[in-house]
Amino acid sequence: MITTQHQDHLVEFAVFGEFTLADFKEFEELVLFEIKFAGPVNLLVDLRDMADFTVDVAWEEVRFSQQHARDFNRIAVITDSQWVAWSAWLSQLFVNADVTVFADEAEARNWLAENDE
């Protein structure tokens, strides 16, 4: 399950439990809407409560990242998992955006706000 919010070039989403393909499609629709009407966006991705993800989500994320490589400014990933941090670093290969991993939500939000100044 995911929750999403969007405002002023910022798309936020948090994953709770298993991250499924249906969840990713919901995220994808929101991001595409924002890109269409606002241009490149920042992402705040909260994965602290993600228990697992399906293999099709991983594949879809790579495909989406390649197709929209220039549609993101900054991507802040909040996690305590070393595995998720490593995969976030790996995703930088597919997008032309600054991707940074944070353990603290306030630090992530501050970093994203720096981009707006």
N, C-alpha and C. Protein backbone atom coordinates (compact mmCIF):
# COMPACT_ATOMS: atom_id res chain seq x y z
N MET A 1 0.84 -1.17 0.00
CA MET A 1 0.00 0.00 0.00
C MET A 1 0.89 1.25 0.00
N ILE A 2 0.43 2.28 -0.69
CA ILE A 2 1.16 3.54 -0.69
C ILE A 2 0.23 4.69 -0.36
N THR A 3 0.84 5.77 0.10
CA THR A 3 0.13 7.05 0.23
C THR A 3 0.89 8.04 -0.65
N THR A 4 0.16 8.97 -1.24
CA THR A 4 0.79 9.95 -2.12
C THR A 4 0.27 11.35 -1.82
N GLN A 5 1.12 12.33 -2.10
CA GLN A 5 0.77 13.74 -2.04
C GLN A 5 1.57 14.46 -3.10
N HIS A 6 1.07 15.60 -3.54
CA HIS A 6 1.85 16.39 -4.49
C HIS A 6 1.51 17.86 -4.31
N GLN A 7 2.56 18.69 -4.51
CA GLN A 7 2.39 20.13 -4.37
C GLN A 7 3.67 20.82 -4.84
N ASP A 8 3.52 21.85 -5.63
CA ASP A 8 4.64 22.71 -6.03
C ASP A 8 5.89 21.94 -6.47
N HIS A 9 5.80 21.16 -7.49
CA HIS A 9 6.94 20.42 -8.05
C HIS A 9 7.48 19.35 -7.11
N LEU A 10 6.72 18.95 -6.10
CA LEU A 10 7.15 17.90 -5.18
C LEU A 10 6.09 16.79 -5.15
N VAL A 11 6.54 15.58 -5.41
CA VAL A 11 5.68 14.41 -5.30
C VAL A 11 6.22 13.58 -4.14
N GLU A 12 5.34 13.27 -3.20
CA GLU A 12 5.72 12.47 -2.04
C GLU A 12 4.98 11.15 -2.10
N PHE A 13 5.69 10.06 -1.78
CA PHE A 13 4.97 8.81 -1.58
C PHE A 13 5.67 7.97 -0.54
N ALA A 14 4.86 7.25 0.20
CA ALA A 14 5.35 6.37 1.26
C ALA A 14 4.77 4.98 1.02
N VAL A 15 5.60 3.98 1.27
CA VAL A 15 5.18 2.60 1.08
C VAL A 15 5.01 1.95 2.45
N PHE A 16 3.89 1.24 2.61
CA PHE A 16 3.60 0.51 3.84
C PHE A 16 3.37 -0.95 3.47
N GLY A 17 4.18 -1.84 4.01
CA GLY A 17 4.05 -3.25 3.70
C GLY A 17 4.69 -3.57 2.36
N GLU A 18 4.00 -4.37 1.57
CA GLU A 18 4.54 -4.78 0.27
C GLU A 18 4.24 -3.74 -0.80
N PHE A 19 5.25 -3.41 -1.59
CA PHE A 19 5.13 -2.47 -2.71
C PHE A 19 4.79 -3.29 -3.95
N THR A 20 3.57 -3.15 -4.44
CA THR A 20 3.08 -3.97 -5.55
C THR A 20 3.07 -3.18 -6.85
N LEU A 21 2.85 -3.89 -7.94
CA LEU A 21 2.77 -3.25 -9.25
C LEU A 21 1.60 -2.26 -9.30
N ALA A 22 0.48 -2.59 -8.69
CA ALA A 22 -0.66 -1.66 -8.65
C ALA A 22 -0.28 -0.37 -7.93
N ASP A 23 0.50 -0.48 -6.85
CA ASP A 23 0.98 0.70 -6.14
C ASP A 23 1.88 1.53 -7.04
N PHE A 24 2.79 0.85 -7.75
CA PHE A 24 3.71 1.58 -8.62
C PHE A 24 2.95 2.30 -9.72
N LYS A 25 1.93 1.66 -10.28
CA LYS A 25 1.13 2.30 -11.33
C LYS A 25 0.43 3.56 -10.79
N GLU A 26 -0.04 3.52 -9.55
CA GLU A 26 -0.66 4.69 -8.93
C GLU A 26 0.37 5.83 -8.83
N PHE A 27 1.56 5.49 -8.34
CA PHE A 27 2.65 6.46 -8.25
C PHE A 27 2.99 7.01 -9.64
N GLU A 28 3.11 6.15 -10.61
CA GLU A 28 3.47 6.53 -11.96
C GLU A 28 2.47 7.53 -12.56
N GLU A 29 1.18 7.28 -12.37
CA GLU A 29 0.15 8.19 -12.89
C GLU A 29 0.26 9.58 -12.26
N LEU A 30 0.50 9.63 -10.97
CA LEU A 30 0.65 10.91 -10.28
C LEU A 30 1.86 11.67 -10.80
N VAL A 31 2.98 10.99 -10.93
CA VAL A 31 4.21 11.62 -11.40
C VAL A 31 4.03 12.12 -12.83
N LEU A 32 3.44 11.33 -13.68
CA LEU A 32 3.24 11.75 -15.08
C LEU A 32 2.33 12.97 -15.15
N PHE A 33 1.31 13.02 -14.32
CA PHE A 33 0.42 14.19 -14.26
C PHE A 33 1.22 15.42 -13.86
N GLU A 34 2.01 15.31 -12.80
CA GLU A 34 2.81 16.46 -12.34
C GLU A 34 3.80 16.91 -13.40
N ILE A 35 4.47 15.97 -14.04
CA ILE A 35 5.45 16.31 -15.08
C ILE A 35 4.77 17.03 -16.24
N LYS A 36 3.60 16.55 -16.62
CA LYS A 36 2.89 17.14 -17.75
C LYS A 36 2.52 18.60 -17.49
N PHE A 37 2.09 18.89 -16.26
CA PHE A 37 1.61 20.24 -15.96
C PHE A 37 2.61 21.12 -15.23
N ALA A 38 3.64 20.54 -14.61
CA ALA A 38 4.58 21.35 -13.83
C ALA A 38 6.02 21.22 -14.29
N GLY A 39 6.30 20.31 -15.19
CA GLY A 39 7.68 20.10 -15.61
C GLY A 39 8.41 19.18 -14.63
N PRO A 40 9.74 19.17 -14.68
CA PRO A 40 10.51 18.28 -13.80
C PRO A 40 10.14 18.46 -12.33
N VAL A 41 10.11 17.36 -11.60
CA VAL A 41 9.67 17.36 -10.21
C VAL A 41 10.75 16.80 -9.29
N ASN A 42 10.57 17.08 -8.01
CA ASN A 42 11.35 16.44 -6.96
C ASN A 42 10.51 15.31 -6.39
N LEU A 43 11.18 14.27 -5.90
CA LEU A 43 10.48 13.15 -5.27
C LEU A 43 10.95 13.00 -3.83
N LEU A 44 10.01 12.74 -2.95
CA LEU A 44 10.30 12.35 -1.58
C LEU A 44 9.73 10.95 -1.42
N VAL A 45 10.60 9.98 -1.29
CA VAL A 45 10.22 8.57 -1.26
C VAL A 45 10.50 8.02 0.13
N ASP A 46 9.46 7.68 0.86
CA ASP A 46 9.61 7.17 2.22
C ASP A 46 9.42 5.65 2.21
N LEU A 47 10.54 4.94 2.39
CA LEU A 47 10.51 3.48 2.34
C LEU A 47 10.78 2.85 3.71
N ARG A 48 10.66 3.63 4.77
CA ARG A 48 10.95 3.12 6.12
C ARG A 48 10.02 1.99 6.53
N ASP A 49 8.79 1.99 6.04
CA ASP A 49 7.83 0.96 6.43
C ASP A 49 7.56 -0.05 5.33
N MET A 50 8.42 -0.07 4.31
CA MET A 50 8.27 -1.05 3.23
C MET A 50 8.81 -2.39 3.72
N ALA A 51 7.99 -3.42 3.63
CA ALA A 51 8.40 -4.75 4.06
C ALA A 51 9.05 -5.52 2.92
N ASP A 52 8.57 -5.29 1.69
CA ASP A 52 9.03 -6.07 0.55
C ASP A 52 8.51 -5.40 -0.72
N PHE A 53 9.01 -5.83 -1.86
CA PHE A 53 8.47 -5.38 -3.13
C PHE A 53 8.46 -6.56 -4.08
N THR A 54 7.57 -6.51 -5.05
CA THR A 54 7.47 -7.61 -6.00
C THR A 54 8.48 -7.39 -7.13
N VAL A 55 8.88 -8.47 -7.77
CA VAL A 55 9.88 -8.40 -8.83
C VAL A 55 9.40 -7.52 -9.97
N ASP A 56 8.12 -7.57 -10.29
CA ASP A 56 7.60 -6.74 -11.38
C ASP A 56 7.72 -5.25 -11.06
N VAL A 57 7.69 -4.87 -9.78
CA VAL A 57 7.89 -3.47 -9.40
C VAL A 57 9.32 -3.04 -9.74
N ALA A 58 10.28 -3.89 -9.42
CA ALA A 58 11.68 -3.56 -9.71
C ALA A 58 11.88 -3.35 -11.21
N TRP A 59 11.32 -4.23 -12.01
CA TRP A 59 11.45 -4.11 -13.47
C TRP A 59 10.75 -2.85 -13.97
N GLU A 60 9.57 -2.57 -13.47
CA GLU A 60 8.81 -1.39 -13.90
C GLU A 60 9.53 -0.11 -13.51
N GLU A 61 10.18 -0.11 -12.34
CA GLU A 61 10.91 1.07 -11.89
C GLU A 61 12.08 1.37 -12.83
N VAL A 62 12.78 0.35 -13.27
CA VAL A 62 13.89 0.55 -14.22
C VAL A 62 13.35 1.09 -15.54
N ARG A 63 12.28 0.50 -16.05
CA ARG A 63 11.68 0.96 -17.31
C ARG A 63 11.23 2.41 -17.20
N PHE A 64 10.52 2.74 -16.13
CA PHE A 64 10.01 4.09 -15.92
C PHE A 64 11.16 5.09 -15.81
N SER A 65 12.18 4.73 -15.05
CA SER A 65 13.34 5.62 -14.88
C SER A 65 14.03 5.90 -16.19
N GLN A 66 14.18 4.90 -17.02
CA GLN A 66 14.82 5.11 -18.32
C GLN A 66 13.98 6.01 -19.21
N GLN A 67 12.69 5.84 -19.21
CA GLN A 67 11.81 6.64 -20.06
C GLN A 67 11.70 8.09 -19.59
N HIS A 68 11.92 8.32 -18.30
CA HIS A 68 11.74 9.66 -17.73
C HIS A 68 13.01 10.15 -17.05
N ALA A 69 14.13 9.83 -17.63
CA ALA A 69 15.44 10.12 -17.03
C ALA A 69 15.66 11.61 -16.75
N ARG A 70 15.06 12.48 -17.54
CA ARG A 70 15.27 13.92 -17.38
C ARG A 70 14.09 14.65 -16.74
N ASP A 71 13.17 13.91 -16.18
CA ASP A 71 11.96 14.51 -15.62
C ASP A 71 12.01 14.74 -14.11
N PHE A 72 13.18 14.51 -13.50
CA PHE A 72 13.33 14.67 -12.06
C PHE A 72 14.50 15.58 -11.76
N ASN A 73 14.34 16.44 -10.75
CA ASN A 73 15.44 17.29 -10.29
C ASN A 73 16.20 16.58 -9.18
N ARG A 74 15.53 16.35 -8.07
CA ARG A 74 16.12 15.68 -6.91
C ARG A 74 15.19 14.58 -6.42
N ILE A 75 15.80 13.50 -5.95
CA ILE A 75 15.05 12.39 -5.39
C ILE A 75 15.63 12.10 -4.01
N ALA A 76 14.82 12.28 -2.98
CA ALA A 76 15.23 11.98 -1.60
C ALA A 76 14.55 10.68 -1.19
N VAL A 77 15.35 9.72 -0.79
CA VAL A 77 14.85 8.42 -0.35
C VAL A 77 15.08 8.31 1.15
N ILE A 78 14.02 8.05 1.90
CA ILE A 78 14.14 7.90 3.36
C ILE A 78 14.06 6.41 3.68
N THR A 79 15.12 5.89 4.29
CA THR A 79 15.17 4.48 4.64
C THR A 79 16.23 4.23 5.69
N ASP A 80 16.06 3.13 6.41
CA ASP A 80 17.08 2.66 7.34
C ASP A 80 17.76 1.41 6.80
N SER A 81 17.29 0.92 5.67
CA SER A 81 17.79 -0.32 5.09
C SER A 81 18.99 -0.08 4.18
N GLN A 82 20.08 -0.76 4.45
CA GLN A 82 21.27 -0.65 3.61
C GLN A 82 20.99 -1.17 2.20
N TRP A 83 20.17 -2.20 2.07
CA TRP A 83 19.82 -2.75 0.76
C TRP A 83 19.05 -1.73 -0.07
N VAL A 84 18.09 -1.06 0.52
CA VAL A 84 17.32 -0.04 -0.19
C VAL A 84 18.22 1.14 -0.55
N ALA A 85 19.11 1.52 0.35
CA ALA A 85 20.05 2.60 0.06
C ALA A 85 20.92 2.24 -1.13
N TRP A 86 21.39 1.01 -1.18
CA TRP A 86 22.22 0.57 -2.30
C TRP A 86 21.42 0.61 -3.60
N SER A 87 20.18 0.15 -3.58
CA SER A 87 19.38 0.15 -4.81
C SER A 87 19.05 1.58 -5.25
N ALA A 88 18.89 2.51 -4.30
CA ALA A 88 18.67 3.92 -4.65
C ALA A 88 19.91 4.48 -5.34
N TRP A 89 21.07 4.13 -4.83
CA TRP A 89 22.31 4.56 -5.48
C TRP A 89 22.39 4.01 -6.89
N LEU A 90 22.03 2.75 -7.06
CA LEU A 90 22.06 2.12 -8.38
C LEU A 90 21.10 2.80 -9.35
N SER A 91 19.98 3.29 -8.85
CA SER A 91 18.99 3.93 -9.73
C SER A 91 19.53 5.21 -10.36
N GLN A 92 20.57 5.80 -9.77
CA GLN A 92 21.18 6.99 -10.35
C GLN A 92 21.73 6.73 -11.75
N LEU A 93 21.98 5.48 -12.06
CA LEU A 93 22.46 5.14 -13.39
C LEU A 93 21.40 5.38 -14.46
N PHE A 94 20.14 5.42 -14.05
CA PHE A 94 19.04 5.51 -15.01
C PHE A 94 18.37 6.88 -15.07
N VAL A 95 18.65 7.75 -14.12
CA VAL A 95 18.02 9.07 -14.12
C VAL A 95 19.07 10.16 -14.06
N ASN A 96 18.72 11.29 -14.64
CA ASN A 96 19.59 12.46 -14.61
C ASN A 96 19.11 13.37 -13.48
N ALA A 97 19.26 12.88 -12.25
CA ALA A 97 18.78 13.62 -11.07
C ALA A 97 19.74 13.35 -9.92
N ASP A 98 19.72 14.25 -8.95
CA ASP A 98 20.46 14.02 -7.72
C ASP A 98 19.64 13.07 -6.87
N VAL A 99 20.20 11.93 -6.51
CA VAL A 99 19.53 10.95 -5.66
C VAL A 99 20.32 10.84 -4.37
N THR A 100 19.66 11.10 -3.23
CA THR A 100 20.33 11.02 -1.94
C THR A 100 19.45 10.24 -0.97
N VAL A 101 20.10 9.44 -0.15
CA VAL A 101 19.40 8.61 0.84
C VAL A 101 19.54 9.26 2.21
N PHE A 102 18.44 9.29 2.95
CA PHE A 102 18.40 9.89 4.27
C PHE A 102 17.78 8.91 5.26
N ALA A 103 18.21 8.99 6.50
CA ALA A 103 17.56 8.25 7.58
C ALA A 103 16.53 9.14 8.27
N ASP A 104 16.68 10.46 8.12
CA ASP A 104 15.84 11.43 8.80
C ASP A 104 14.96 12.19 7.80
N GLU A 105 13.66 12.22 8.04
CA GLU A 105 12.72 12.88 7.12
C GLU A 105 12.96 14.38 7.03
N ALA A 106 13.24 15.03 8.16
CA ALA A 106 13.46 16.48 8.15
C ALA A 106 14.66 16.85 7.29
N GLU A 107 15.73 16.06 7.38
CA GLU A 107 16.91 16.31 6.55
C GLU A 107 16.57 16.15 5.06
N ALA A 108 15.78 15.15 4.74
CA ALA A 108 15.38 14.93 3.35
C ALA A 108 14.56 16.11 2.83
N ARG A 109 13.62 16.57 3.62
CA ARG A 109 12.80 17.71 3.21
C ARG A 109 13.64 18.98 3.06
N ASN A 110 14.56 19.21 3.96
CA ASN A 110 15.45 20.38 3.86
C ASN A 110 16.29 20.32 2.60
N TRP A 111 16.80 19.16 2.28
CA TRP A 111 17.62 18.99 1.08
C TRP A 111 16.80 19.27 -0.18
N LEU A 112 15.57 18.79 -0.21
CA LEU A 112 14.69 19.05 -1.36
C LEU A 112 14.35 20.53 -1.45
N ALA A 113 14.15 21.19 -0.33
CA ALA A 113 13.81 22.63 -0.31
C ALA A 113 14.96 23.48 -0.82
N GLU A 114 16.20 23.04 -0.60
CA GLU A 114 17.36 23.79 -1.09
C GLU A 114 17.29 23.96 -2.61
N ASN A 115 16.75 22.99 -3.28
CA ASN A 115 16.65 23.01 -4.73
C ASN A 115 15.68 24.08 -5.21
N ASP A 116 14.72 24.45 -4.37
CA ASP A 116 13.70 25.44 -4.76
C ASP A 116 14.17 26.88 -4.54
N GLU A 117 15.27 27.06 -3.81
CA GLU A 117 15.72 28.42 -3.50
C GLU A 117 16.50 29.01 -4.65
